[in-house]
Amino acid sequence: MYTRCLVCATPFDENEQLEYAPHGKRLAFDPSRGRLWAICGTCRRWSLMPIEERWEALDELEKLAIDKARLLSQTDNISLLKAGPLEIVRVGRAERTEEAWWRYGRELASRRENWNKLGVAGTIAAGAVVAGGWAAGGISMFGVWLIMGHGSETLRDGARWLRFGSSAWRGNERCSSCGYRFRAIAYRDRASIGLFPTEEHGRLELVARCPKCGQYREAGLHLRGDEADRTLRRVLAYHHFAGASERRVFKASRLIQEAGSPQDLARIVVRDGKRLGDLQRTGGIALEIAANEATEQRLLEAELAELEAHWKREEELASIIDGELTPLPVLEQMRRLVTGGSG
């Protein structure tokens, strides 16, 4: 089995999931034609594995793809799956439902754990300050109450500020009504941000009221397209910095399933338009999951188009190597010899 890219000679990273294909963090295979490629992370070219070393690896890959891999996205010709750190490009459609949004659900549950840890750390730190001040005689009972009551909150706020800063959006836009210049949307004003469905499936328009003339829908600040997507994801991540319980994540995931897709969820949650502060907790969590998944799907679709173009070129070359350079009867005989099969 090759350990380096056949094009640029970069060594393939090792993976621990596969015994018969231990080299490469991204592998492509065609179970029907018996093709196996390692995809270089540097030049992105495909290296066709030697035919005598493919068969056990192909069986192993197919089993991993069926039993453990998670489907990220697919076209009519190829599917992109992930099993731990290993990415698998499978020629042909996978017989499973795309569930990439579960990853964001797990992230929200993880945030809840971190939020609780910050609370414990804040309480311990506040206790240390109180103990030191009390021993020195420089802290009153009111001071004890103030520090112990706000230690966890202060640490959590500090952690959130370090991660996000103070502004969800920065730019230079004018209100079409009065000419007021918008330069930022502060996270503290997030509850008043309006969310409205657009003609683009699954995408929302973000609207901020003009502080000078008070205009909202007719004027003010309007963000659309990629700029709105980025801002919405930042605002929702800040808004849900405390994460969510597994029960809440489950309810949000069910809401996405009932909507039909993450793209359909946005229109259902905001309907004809809502302020972020008016969203129900479960709907807001579901919207964050859906917004992240929809953005990733758009990126994956672009990557899949590139992978499909690579596959078509590499398949032409592989058919020459496997079909013309190796007579088909000899190829079948070799496959049976290696796999020990008779059929």
Protein backbone atom coordinates (compact mmCIF):
# COMPACT_ATOMS: atom_id res chain seq x y z
CA MET A 1 0.00 0.00 0.00
CA TYR A 2 1.41 3.40 -0.95
CA THR A 3 2.59 5.59 1.92
CA ARG A 4 3.17 8.72 -0.21
CA CYS A 5 1.20 10.68 -2.80
CA LEU A 6 2.09 9.52 -6.31
CA VAL A 7 1.94 13.11 -7.57
CA CYS A 8 3.70 15.30 -4.99
CA ALA A 9 5.34 12.60 -2.81
CA THR A 10 3.83 14.01 0.40
CA PRO A 11 3.52 11.25 3.03
CA PHE A 12 -0.07 10.21 3.78
CA ASP A 13 -1.20 10.70 7.37
CA GLU A 14 -1.85 7.45 9.18
CA ASN A 15 -5.31 6.49 10.39
CA GLU A 16 -6.17 4.02 13.15
CA GLN A 17 -9.57 2.93 11.86
CA LEU A 18 -8.44 0.67 9.03
CA GLU A 19 -6.13 -2.31 9.25
CA TYR A 20 -5.74 -2.85 5.50
CA ALA A 21 -5.65 0.85 4.49
CA PRO A 22 -3.77 2.56 7.33
CA HIS A 23 -2.38 5.42 5.23
CA GLY A 24 -4.48 8.47 4.42
CA LYS A 25 -7.05 10.55 6.33
CA ARG A 26 -9.26 10.84 3.23
CA LEU A 27 -9.94 7.75 1.13
CA ALA A 28 -12.16 7.27 -1.90
CA PHE A 29 -13.54 3.93 -3.04
CA ASP A 30 -15.90 2.41 -5.55
CA PRO A 31 -17.25 -0.88 -4.20
CA SER A 32 -18.85 -1.90 -7.49
CA ARG A 33 -15.75 -1.42 -9.64
CA GLY A 34 -13.20 -2.33 -6.99
CA ARG A 35 -11.35 1.01 -6.99
CA LEU A 36 -9.52 2.48 -4.01
CA TRP A 37 -7.74 5.83 -3.86
CA ALA A 38 -5.89 7.78 -1.16
CA ILE A 39 -6.50 11.53 -1.51
CA CYS A 40 -3.53 13.77 -0.79
CA GLY A 41 -4.19 16.56 1.69
CA THR A 42 -1.54 18.75 0.06
CA CYS A 43 -2.13 18.58 -3.71
CA ARG A 44 -5.63 16.98 -3.44
CA ARG A 45 -4.79 14.47 -6.17
CA TRP A 46 -5.94 10.85 -6.01
CA SER A 47 -3.48 7.96 -5.83
CA LEU A 48 -4.90 4.65 -7.07
CA MET A 49 -3.93 1.82 -4.73
CA PRO A 50 -2.26 -1.31 -6.19
CA ILE A 51 -4.88 -3.78 -7.28
CA GLU A 52 -3.52 -6.69 -5.27
CA GLU A 53 -3.81 -4.67 -2.05
CA ARG A 54 -7.35 -3.36 -2.46
CA TRP A 55 -9.81 -6.13 -1.72
CA GLU A 56 -9.54 -6.48 2.06
CA ALA A 57 -9.36 -2.70 2.35
CA LEU A 58 -12.47 -2.30 0.21
CA ASP A 59 -14.45 -4.72 2.36
CA GLU A 60 -13.18 -2.96 5.49
CA LEU A 61 -14.10 0.48 4.13
CA GLU A 62 -17.58 -0.58 3.09
CA LYS A 63 -18.25 -2.06 6.53
CA LEU A 64 -17.01 1.12 8.22
CA ALA A 65 -19.13 3.29 5.91
CA ILE A 66 -22.26 1.26 6.68
CA ASP A 67 -21.80 0.64 10.40
CA LYS A 68 -20.05 3.70 11.83
CA ALA A 69 -19.68 6.53 9.33
CA ARG A 70 -21.92 9.59 9.37
CA LEU A 71 -23.19 10.94 6.06
CA LEU A 72 -22.25 14.59 5.52
CA SER A 73 -23.57 15.14 2.00
CA GLN A 74 -24.03 13.39 -1.34
CA THR A 75 -24.80 13.78 -5.02
CA ASP A 76 -26.18 11.24 -7.47
CA ASN A 77 -22.64 9.93 -8.04
CA ILE A 78 -20.68 10.23 -4.79
CA SER A 79 -21.23 10.41 -1.04
CA LEU A 80 -19.04 12.12 1.55
CA LEU A 81 -18.95 10.39 4.94
CA LYS A 82 -16.98 10.82 8.13
CA ALA A 83 -15.89 8.22 10.67
CA GLY A 84 -13.92 9.88 13.45
CA PRO A 85 -11.00 11.75 11.82
CA LEU A 86 -11.31 9.67 8.66
CA GLU A 87 -13.17 11.13 5.66
CA ILE A 88 -14.57 8.68 3.14
CA VAL A 89 -15.61 9.45 -0.43
CA ARG A 90 -17.86 6.61 -1.58
CA VAL A 91 -18.78 6.32 -5.24
CA GLY A 92 -22.55 5.93 -5.38
CA ARG A 93 -25.28 7.21 -3.07
CA ALA A 94 -25.29 6.05 0.54
CA GLU A 95 -28.48 4.42 1.77
CA ARG A 96 -28.95 6.65 4.79
CA THR A 97 -30.31 10.03 5.84
CA GLU A 98 -28.04 13.03 6.20
CA GLU A 99 -27.79 13.94 9.88
CA ALA A 100 -24.89 16.39 10.01
CA TRP A 101 -26.92 18.69 12.29
CA TRP A 102 -26.51 16.23 15.18
CA ARG A 103 -22.92 17.47 15.51
CA TYR A 104 -24.13 20.94 16.50
CA GLY A 105 -26.55 19.42 18.95
CA ARG A 106 -23.66 17.69 20.68
CA GLU A 107 -21.73 20.97 20.69
CA LEU A 108 -24.58 22.70 22.52
CA ALA A 109 -24.62 19.95 25.13
CA SER A 110 -20.86 20.36 25.50
CA ARG A 111 -21.32 24.11 26.03
CA ARG A 112 -23.67 23.35 28.91
CA GLU A 113 -20.94 21.29 30.60
CA ASN A 114 -18.40 24.10 30.13
CA TRP A 115 -20.92 26.64 31.46
CA ASN A 116 -21.38 24.59 34.62
CA LYS A 117 -17.60 24.24 35.03
CA LEU A 118 -17.19 28.00 34.73
CA GLY A 119 -19.81 28.40 37.45
CA VAL A 120 -17.92 26.09 39.81
CA ALA A 121 -14.61 27.80 39.02
CA GLY A 122 -16.16 31.22 39.64
CA THR A 123 -17.55 30.14 42.99
CA ILE A 124 -14.17 28.73 44.06
CA ALA A 125 -12.37 31.90 42.97
CA ALA A 126 -14.91 34.09 44.78
CA GLY A 127 -14.51 31.96 47.89
CA ALA A 128 -10.75 32.43 47.80
CA VAL A 129 -11.16 36.21 47.52
CA VAL A 130 -13.62 36.27 50.42
CA ALA A 131 -11.40 34.09 52.58
CA GLY A 132 -8.38 36.29 51.94
CA GLY A 133 -10.28 39.52 52.55
CA TRP A 134 -11.95 38.22 55.70
CA ALA A 135 -8.64 37.05 57.14
CA ALA A 136 -7.12 40.48 56.48
CA GLY A 137 -10.15 42.21 57.98
CA GLY A 138 -10.73 44.24 54.85
CA ILE A 139 -14.11 42.94 53.67
CA SER A 140 -17.59 43.54 55.01
CA MET A 141 -20.60 41.24 55.07
CA PHE A 142 -22.02 43.21 52.15
CA GLY A 143 -18.78 42.61 50.28
CA VAL A 144 -19.03 38.88 51.01
CA TRP A 145 -22.58 38.81 49.65
CA LEU A 146 -21.62 40.80 46.55
CA ILE A 147 -18.59 38.68 45.62
CA MET A 148 -20.18 35.31 46.35
CA GLY A 149 -23.33 36.26 44.46
CA HIS A 150 -21.56 37.44 41.32
CA GLY A 151 -18.33 35.45 41.11
CA SER A 152 -19.67 32.82 38.71
CA GLU A 153 -21.52 35.38 36.60
CA THR A 154 -18.39 37.53 36.25
CA LEU A 155 -16.24 34.61 35.14
CA ARG A 156 -18.85 33.46 32.63
CA ASP A 157 -19.28 36.97 31.19
CA GLY A 158 -15.51 37.28 30.88
CA ALA A 159 -15.23 33.96 29.06
CA ARG A 160 -18.00 34.97 26.66
CA TRP A 161 -16.37 38.34 25.96
CA LEU A 162 -12.98 36.72 25.30
CA ARG A 163 -14.58 34.39 22.76
CA PHE A 164 -16.90 36.80 20.94
CA GLY A 165 -15.89 40.37 21.74
CA SER A 166 -18.59 43.03 21.96
CA SER A 167 -19.98 43.28 18.40
CA ALA A 168 -21.79 40.70 16.29
CA TRP A 169 -21.38 42.77 13.10
CA ARG A 170 -19.15 45.63 12.00
CA GLY A 171 -19.50 47.57 8.78
CA ASN A 172 -20.48 50.87 7.25
CA GLU A 173 -24.12 51.01 6.16
CA ARG A 174 -26.56 53.93 6.05
CA CYS A 175 -30.24 54.06 6.94
CA SER A 176 -32.10 54.72 3.69
CA SER A 177 -34.55 56.99 5.51
CA CYS A 178 -32.40 59.39 7.54
CA GLY A 179 -28.84 58.57 6.54
CA TYR A 180 -27.77 57.36 10.00
CA ARG A 181 -24.51 55.42 9.68
CA PHE A 182 -24.52 51.90 11.16
CA ARG A 183 -21.04 50.79 12.18
CA ALA A 184 -21.78 47.86 14.50
CA ILE A 185 -24.44 45.63 16.05
CA ALA A 186 -23.66 45.07 19.72
CA TYR A 187 -24.45 41.71 21.29
CA ARG A 188 -26.30 43.53 24.09
CA ASP A 189 -28.86 44.65 21.48
CA ARG A 190 -29.38 41.16 20.05
CA ALA A 191 -32.89 40.70 21.43
CA SER A 192 -34.22 43.50 19.20
CA ILE A 193 -32.75 42.09 15.95
CA GLY A 194 -35.53 41.16 13.52
CA LEU A 195 -35.44 37.85 11.62
CA PHE A 196 -37.42 37.63 8.38
CA PRO A 197 -37.66 34.87 5.74
CA THR A 198 -36.34 35.61 2.25
CA GLU A 199 -36.95 34.17 -1.19
CA GLU A 200 -33.70 32.20 -0.85
CA HIS A 201 -34.66 28.84 0.63
CA GLY A 202 -33.54 28.53 4.25
CA ARG A 203 -31.97 32.00 4.47
CA LEU A 204 -33.05 34.85 6.73
CA GLU A 205 -32.79 38.62 6.56
CA LEU A 206 -31.52 40.39 9.69
CA VAL A 207 -33.00 43.82 10.45
CA ALA A 208 -31.91 46.38 13.06
CA ARG A 209 -34.05 49.40 13.92
CA CYS A 210 -32.54 52.81 13.18
CA PRO A 211 -31.79 54.58 16.51
CA LYS A 212 -32.20 58.00 14.89
CA CYS A 213 -35.46 57.86 12.90
CA GLY A 214 -36.90 54.69 14.42
CA GLN A 215 -37.52 53.03 11.05
CA TYR A 216 -37.48 49.23 11.06
CA ARG A 217 -38.81 47.30 8.08
CA GLU A 218 -38.85 50.21 5.62
CA ALA A 219 -35.34 51.43 6.50
CA GLY A 220 -32.81 50.82 9.28
CA LEU A 221 -30.09 48.19 8.76
CA HIS A 222 -30.81 45.17 6.55
CA LEU A 223 -28.35 42.26 6.23
CA ARG A 224 -28.87 39.57 3.62
CA GLY A 225 -27.06 36.61 2.08
CA ASP A 226 -23.70 35.44 3.45
CA GLU A 227 -23.35 38.53 5.65
CA ALA A 228 -26.66 37.77 7.33
CA ASP A 229 -25.75 34.08 7.73
CA ARG A 230 -22.44 34.89 9.44
CA THR A 231 -24.01 37.46 11.74
CA LEU A 232 -26.92 35.19 12.67
CA ARG A 233 -24.62 32.31 13.57
CA ARG A 234 -22.47 34.59 15.75
CA VAL A 235 -25.49 36.11 17.50
CA LEU A 236 -27.08 32.72 18.17
CA ALA A 237 -23.81 31.24 19.47
CA TYR A 238 -23.46 34.22 21.83
CA HIS A 239 -27.13 34.03 22.83
CA HIS A 240 -26.79 30.32 23.62
CA PHE A 241 -23.33 30.52 25.20
CA ALA A 242 -24.71 28.55 28.17
CA GLY A 243 -25.51 25.67 25.81
CA ALA A 244 -28.50 23.43 26.28
CA SER A 245 -29.42 20.25 28.10
CA GLU A 246 -29.55 16.96 26.21
CA ARG A 247 -33.34 17.03 26.60
CA ARG A 248 -33.54 20.49 25.00
CA VAL A 249 -31.22 19.42 22.18
CA PHE A 250 -33.40 16.38 21.57
CA LYS A 251 -36.51 18.56 21.35
CA ALA A 252 -34.76 20.95 18.96
CA SER A 253 -33.61 18.05 16.81
CA ARG A 254 -37.15 16.70 16.68
CA LEU A 255 -38.33 20.13 15.59
CA ILE A 256 -35.89 20.05 12.66
CA GLN A 257 -37.06 16.56 11.71
CA GLU A 258 -40.71 17.63 11.80
CA ALA A 259 -39.89 20.67 9.66
CA GLY A 260 -38.45 18.36 7.01
CA SER A 261 -34.98 19.91 6.73
CA PRO A 262 -32.82 22.58 8.37
CA GLN A 263 -33.65 24.88 5.44
CA ASP A 264 -37.39 24.50 6.05
CA LEU A 265 -37.03 25.11 9.78
CA ALA A 266 -36.05 28.79 9.47
CA ARG A 267 -39.30 29.74 7.77
CA ILE A 268 -41.34 27.79 10.32
CA VAL A 269 -39.61 29.26 13.39
CA VAL A 270 -39.72 32.91 12.34
CA ARG A 271 -42.92 32.65 10.22
CA ASP A 272 -43.58 36.16 8.88
CA GLY A 273 -40.88 37.68 11.04
CA LYS A 274 -39.84 37.73 14.69
CA ARG A 275 -37.39 39.45 16.96
CA LEU A 276 -34.63 37.23 18.28
CA GLY A 277 -35.74 37.98 21.82
CA ASP A 278 -39.24 36.66 21.04
CA LEU A 279 -38.08 33.21 19.91
CA GLN A 280 -38.97 30.33 22.18
CA ARG A 281 -35.96 28.61 23.73
CA THR A 282 -36.33 25.34 21.80
CA GLY A 283 -36.99 27.16 18.54
CA GLY A 284 -33.88 29.31 19.03
CA ILE A 285 -31.71 26.26 19.73
CA ALA A 286 -33.12 24.52 16.65
CA LEU A 287 -32.46 27.64 14.57
CA GLU A 288 -28.79 27.71 15.60
CA ILE A 289 -28.37 24.04 14.74
CA ALA A 290 -30.10 24.56 11.40
CA ALA A 291 -28.16 27.73 10.54
CA ASN A 292 -24.82 26.01 11.09
CA GLU A 293 -25.86 22.89 9.20
CA ALA A 294 -27.22 24.88 6.24
CA THR A 295 -23.97 26.84 5.96
CA GLU A 296 -21.91 23.65 6.11
CA GLN A 297 -24.09 22.03 3.47
CA ARG A 298 -23.43 24.90 1.07
CA LEU A 299 -19.69 24.48 1.63
CA LEU A 300 -19.96 20.71 1.25
CA GLU A 301 -21.87 21.05 -2.01
CA ALA A 302 -19.00 23.10 -3.44
CA GLU A 303 -16.48 20.54 -2.16
CA LEU A 304 -18.54 17.66 -3.53
CA ALA A 305 -18.60 19.27 -6.97
CA GLU A 306 -14.80 19.40 -6.88
CA LEU A 307 -14.54 15.82 -5.62
CA GLU A 308 -16.92 14.60 -8.32
CA ALA A 309 -14.81 16.29 -11.01
CA HIS A 310 -11.68 14.63 -9.59
CA TRP A 311 -13.44 11.27 -9.45
CA LYS A 312 -14.49 11.42 -13.10
CA ARG A 313 -10.90 12.11 -14.20
CA GLU A 314 -9.41 9.48 -11.91
CA GLU A 315 -12.01 6.89 -12.92
CA GLU A 316 -10.99 7.25 -16.57
CA LEU A 317 -7.38 6.60 -15.61
CA ALA A 318 -8.32 3.74 -13.27
CA SER A 319 -10.37 2.03 -15.97
CA ILE A 320 -7.31 2.08 -18.24
CA ILE A 321 -5.00 0.75 -15.54
CA ASP A 322 -7.41 -1.93 -14.30
CA GLY A 323 -9.10 -2.79 -17.59
CA GLU A 324 -6.60 -2.34 -20.41
CA LEU A 325 -3.29 -2.97 -18.67
CA THR A 326 -4.71 -5.91 -16.75
CA PRO A 327 -6.95 -8.27 -18.78
CA LEU A 328 -10.34 -8.63 -17.10
CA PRO A 329 -10.17 -12.43 -16.67
CA VAL A 330 -6.80 -12.03 -14.96
CA LEU A 331 -8.23 -9.22 -12.81
CA GLU A 332 -11.11 -11.40 -11.63
CA GLN A 333 -8.77 -14.30 -10.98
CA MET A 334 -6.51 -12.05 -8.93
CA ARG A 335 -9.47 -10.77 -6.90
CA ARG A 336 -10.57 -14.31 -6.06
CA LEU A 337 -7.03 -15.32 -5.18
CA VAL A 338 -6.54 -12.38 -2.80
CA THR A 339 -9.97 -12.53 -1.13
CA GLY A 340 -10.17 -16.31 -1.11
CA GLY A 341 -13.60 -16.07 -2.72
CA SER A 342 -15.02 -18.43 -5.29
CA GLY A 343 -17.88 -16.32 -6.59
